[in-house]
C-alpha atoms as a PDB file:
ATOM      1  CA  MET A   1     -43.178  52.926  45.829  1.00  0.00           C
ATOM      2  CA  THR A   2     -43.383  49.256  44.963  1.00  0.00           C
ATOM      3  CA  ASN A   3     -44.357  46.424  47.316  1.00  0.00           C
ATOM      4  CA  GLN A   4     -40.699  45.421  47.567  1.00  0.00           C
ATOM      5  CA  GLU A   5     -39.670  48.933  48.631  1.00  0.00           C
ATOM      6  CA  PHE A   6     -42.254  49.224  51.405  1.00  0.00           C
ATOM      7  CA  LYS A   7     -41.068  48.602  54.967  1.00  0.00           C
ATOM      8  CA  LEU A   8     -42.285  49.311  58.470  1.00  0.00           C
ATOM      9  CA  THR A   9     -40.126  51.868  60.265  1.00  0.00           C
ATOM     10  CA  GLU A  10     -41.937  53.254  63.288  1.00  0.00           C
ATOM     11  CA  ILE A  11     -44.071  52.142  66.222  1.00  0.00           C
ATOM     12  CA  GLY A  12     -46.894  54.583  66.884  1.00  0.00           C
ATOM     13  CA  GLN A  13     -48.682  52.883  69.775  1.00  0.00           C
ATOM     14  CA  ILE A  14     -48.271  49.992  72.188  1.00  0.00           C
ATOM     15  CA  ALA A  15     -51.253  48.428  73.974  1.00  0.00           C
ATOM     16  CA  ILE A  16     -51.058  47.051  77.498  1.00  0.00           C
ATOM     17  CA  PRO A  17     -54.022  44.994  78.736  1.00  0.00           C
ATOM     18  CA  VAL A  18     -55.360  45.980  82.169  1.00  0.00           C
ATOM     19  CA  HIS A  19     -58.271  44.831  84.312  1.00  0.00           C
ATOM     20  CA  ASP A  20     -58.678  47.890  86.545  1.00  0.00           C
ATOM     21  CA  LEU A  21     -58.277  50.943  84.307  1.00  0.00           C
ATOM     22  CA  GLU A  22     -58.400  53.530  87.112  1.00  0.00           C
ATOM     23  CA  ARG A  23     -55.740  51.685  89.126  1.00  0.00           C
ATOM     24  CA  ALA A  24     -53.554  51.404  85.998  1.00  0.00           C
ATOM     25  CA  ILE A  25     -53.972  55.125  85.186  1.00  0.00           C
ATOM     26  CA  GLU A  26     -52.875  55.962  88.735  1.00  0.00           C
ATOM     27  CA  PHE A  27     -49.786  53.738  88.387  1.00  0.00           C
ATOM     28  CA  TYR A  28     -48.607  54.960  84.966  1.00  0.00           C
ATOM     29  CA  GLN A  29     -49.385  58.628  85.642  1.00  0.00           C
ATOM     30  CA  HIS A  30     -48.377  59.085  89.264  1.00  0.00           C
ATOM     31  CA  LYS A  31     -45.872  56.344  89.997  1.00  0.00           C
ATOM     32  CA  LEU A  32     -44.085  56.202  86.630  1.00  0.00           C
ATOM     33  CA  GLY A  33     -44.683  59.888  85.811  1.00  0.00           C
ATOM     34  CA  LEU A  34     -45.949  59.380  82.252  1.00  0.00           C
ATOM     35  CA  ASN A  35     -47.986  62.196  80.691  1.00  0.00           C
ATOM     36  CA  HIS A  36     -51.671  61.175  80.534  1.00  0.00           C
ATOM     37  CA  LEU A  37     -52.995  62.321  77.160  1.00  0.00           C
ATOM     38  CA  PHE A  38     -56.679  61.342  77.373  1.00  0.00           C
ATOM     39  CA  SER A  39     -59.105  58.605  78.350  1.00  0.00           C
ATOM     40  CA  VAL A  40     -62.224  57.190  76.729  1.00  0.00           C
ATOM     41  CA  PRO A  41     -64.343  54.296  78.008  1.00  0.00           C
ATOM     42  CA  LYS A  42     -62.105  51.247  78.629  1.00  0.00           C
ATOM     43  CA  LEU A  43     -58.985  53.022  77.248  1.00  0.00           C
ATOM     44  CA  ALA A  44     -56.349  55.462  78.534  1.00  0.00           C
ATOM     45  CA  PHE A  45     -53.510  56.967  76.508  1.00  0.00           C
ATOM     46  CA  PHE A  46     -50.081  58.183  77.644  1.00  0.00           C
ATOM     47  CA  GLU A  47     -47.140  59.898  75.927  1.00  0.00           C
ATOM     48  CA  CYS A  48     -43.956  57.864  76.146  1.00  0.00           C
ATOM     49  CA  GLY A  49     -41.074  59.400  74.198  1.00  0.00           C
ATOM     50  CA  GLY A  50     -42.950  59.776  70.915  1.00  0.00           C
ATOM     51  CA  ILE A  51     -44.797  56.475  71.231  1.00  0.00           C
ATOM     52  CA  ARG A  52     -48.363  56.424  72.501  1.00  0.00           C
ATOM     53  CA  LEU A  53     -49.001  53.898  75.265  1.00  0.00           C
ATOM     54  CA  MET A  54     -52.589  52.595  75.376  1.00  0.00           C
ATOM     55  CA  LEU A  55     -53.977  50.920  78.472  1.00  0.00           C
ATOM     56  CA  SER A  56     -56.982  48.845  77.456  1.00  0.00           C
ATOM     57  CA  VAL A  57     -59.517  46.648  79.206  1.00  0.00           C
ATOM     58  CA  PRO A  58     -59.627  43.492  77.055  1.00  0.00           C
ATOM     59  CA  GLU A  59     -62.918  43.144  75.203  1.00  0.00           C
ATOM     60  CA  LYS A  60     -62.308  39.519  74.198  1.00  0.00           C
ATOM     61  CA  ALA A  61     -60.653  36.589  75.994  1.00  0.00           C
ATOM     62  CA  GLU A  62     -58.018  36.351  73.271  1.00  0.00           C
ATOM     63  CA  PHE A  63     -56.706  39.804  74.283  1.00  0.00           C
ATOM     64  CA  ASP A  64     -56.672  39.063  78.025  1.00  0.00           C
ATOM     65  CA  HIS A  65     -53.026  38.100  78.618  1.00  0.00           C
ATOM     66  CA  PRO A  66     -49.884  39.701  80.041  1.00  0.00           C
ATOM     67  CA  SER A  67     -48.273  42.306  77.837  1.00  0.00           C
ATOM     68  CA  SER A  68     -44.847  42.171  76.250  1.00  0.00           C
ATOM     69  CA  ILE A  69     -42.109  43.543  78.464  1.00  0.00           C
ATOM     70  CA  LEU A  70     -41.655  47.290  78.006  1.00  0.00           C
ATOM     71  CA  TYR A  71     -38.130  48.556  78.650  1.00  0.00           C
ATOM     72  CA  PHE A  72     -38.139  52.205  79.730  1.00  0.00           C
ATOM     73  CA  LYS A  73     -34.828  53.790  78.727  1.00  0.00           C
ATOM     74  CA  VAL A  74     -33.356  55.971  81.478  1.00  0.00           C
ATOM     75  CA  PRO A  75     -30.036  57.858  81.584  1.00  0.00           C
ATOM     76  CA  ASP A  76     -29.230  56.837  85.188  1.00  0.00           C
ATOM     77  CA  ILE A  77     -30.761  53.571  86.364  1.00  0.00           C
ATOM     78  CA  GLN A  78     -29.829  54.106  90.025  1.00  0.00           C
ATOM     79  CA  ILE A  79     -31.642  57.454  90.186  1.00  0.00           C
ATOM     80  CA  ALA A  80     -34.676  55.999  88.357  1.00  0.00           C
ATOM     81  CA  TYR A  81     -34.720  52.943  90.641  1.00  0.00           C
ATOM     82  CA  THR A  82     -34.512  55.081  93.796  1.00  0.00           C
ATOM     83  CA  SER A  83     -37.166  57.543  92.584  1.00  0.00           C
ATOM     84  CA  LEU A  84     -39.661  54.876  91.529  1.00  0.00           C
ATOM     85  CA  SER A  85     -39.055  52.816  94.677  1.00  0.00           C
ATOM     86  CA  ALA A  86     -39.855  55.921  96.753  1.00  0.00           C
ATOM     87  CA  ARG A  87     -43.190  56.171  94.882  1.00  0.00           C
ATOM     88  CA  GLY A  88     -44.062  52.619  95.874  1.00  0.00           C
ATOM     89  CA  VAL A  89     -43.056  50.775  92.707  1.00  0.00           C
ATOM     90  CA  GLN A  90     -42.189  47.191  93.662  1.00  0.00           C
ATOM     91  CA  PHE A  91     -39.072  45.931  91.877  1.00  0.00           C
ATOM     92  CA  GLU A  92     -38.356  42.271  91.166  1.00  0.00           C
ATOM     93  CA  ASP A  93     -34.640  42.936  91.530  1.00  0.00           C
ATOM     94  CA  THR A  94     -32.116  45.724  91.953  1.00  0.00           C
ATOM     95  CA  PRO A  95     -30.387  47.308  88.947  1.00  0.00           C
ATOM     96  CA  HIS A  96     -27.869  44.852  87.586  1.00  0.00           C
ATOM     97  CA  LEU A  97     -25.354  44.620  84.760  1.00  0.00           C
ATOM     98  CA  VAL A  98     -26.673  42.382  81.972  1.00  0.00           C
ATOM     99  CA  ALA A  99     -24.091  42.803  79.223  1.00  0.00           C
ATOM    100  CA  GLN A 100     -20.934  44.643  78.305  1.00  0.00           C
ATOM    101  CA  ILE A 101     -21.437  45.703  74.697  1.00  0.00           C
ATOM    102  CA  GLU A 102     -18.685  47.284  72.609  1.00  0.00           C
ATOM    103  CA  ASN A 103     -18.568  50.752  74.161  1.00  0.00           C
ATOM    104  CA  HIS A 104     -21.293  50.594  76.818  1.00  0.00           C
ATOM    105  CA  ASP A 105     -22.733  48.504  79.626  1.00  0.00           C
ATOM    106  CA  LEU A 106     -26.397  47.435  79.618  1.00  0.00           C
ATOM    107  CA  TRP A 107     -28.151  47.625  82.991  1.00  0.00           C
ATOM    108  CA  LEU A 108     -31.706  46.422  83.770  1.00  0.00           C
ATOM    109  CA  ALA A 109     -34.097  46.446  86.726  1.00  0.00           C
ATOM    110  CA  PHE A 110     -37.448  44.647  86.445  1.00  0.00           C
ATOM    111  CA  PHE A 111     -40.695  45.670  88.151  1.00  0.00           C
ATOM    112  CA  ARG A 112     -44.412  44.925  87.943  1.00  0.00           C
ATOM    113  CA  GLY A 113     -47.135  47.346  86.936  1.00  0.00           C
ATOM    114  CA  SER A 114     -50.397  47.698  88.835  1.00  0.00           C
ATOM    115  CA  GLU A 115     -51.865  44.873  86.728  1.00  0.00           C
ATOM    116  CA  SER A 116     -48.849  42.542  87.236  1.00  0.00           C
ATOM    117  CA  ASN A 117     -47.400  43.178  83.760  1.00  0.00           C
ATOM    118  CA  LEU A 118     -43.616  42.858  83.799  1.00  0.00           C
ATOM    119  CA  LEU A 119     -41.786  46.124  82.981  1.00  0.00           C
ATOM    120  CA  SER A 120     -38.140  47.146  83.138  1.00  0.00           C
ATOM    121  CA  LEU A 121     -35.798  50.078  83.439  1.00  0.00           C
ATOM    122  CA  MET A 122     -32.973  49.979  80.911  1.00  0.00           C
ATOM    123  CA  SER A 123     -29.804  52.056  80.974  1.00  0.00           C
ATOM    124  CA  GLU A 124     -26.976  52.010  78.450  1.00  0.00           C
ATOM    125  CA  VAL A 125     -23.976  53.371  80.300  1.00  0.00           C
ATOM    126  CA  ASN A 126     -21.024  54.546  78.207  1.00  0.00           C
ATOM    127  CA  ARG A 127     -17.646  53.303  79.361  1.00  0.00           C
ATOM    128  CA  THR A 128     -15.103  56.092  79.825  1.00  0.00           C
END
């Protein structure tokens, strides 16, 4: 393979900075229902649809900032919204239609994690 043929094709892990690791583990494991893989000092790892999610206490100031927005894909946004709300997840808004794309509608609902990182539910609903 030459340098010109090489390309990136897969995300293996996403890091989310947290200040209180135990509180974040509780949120991602029990409120969002993600499978907790393992923890080591200052790090916790979760399975998220083939991508490993790493919660990490920032070791340097340059890493201490809000994370990118993670969009969790769900088949039915209303059921996901109701279920997570019942677990105490605080949503910024209710599920709402964002775009009508070719053959499906894109719905989103934003919420905050235990460390105030912005997260979202995302549902692509086929039009019949």
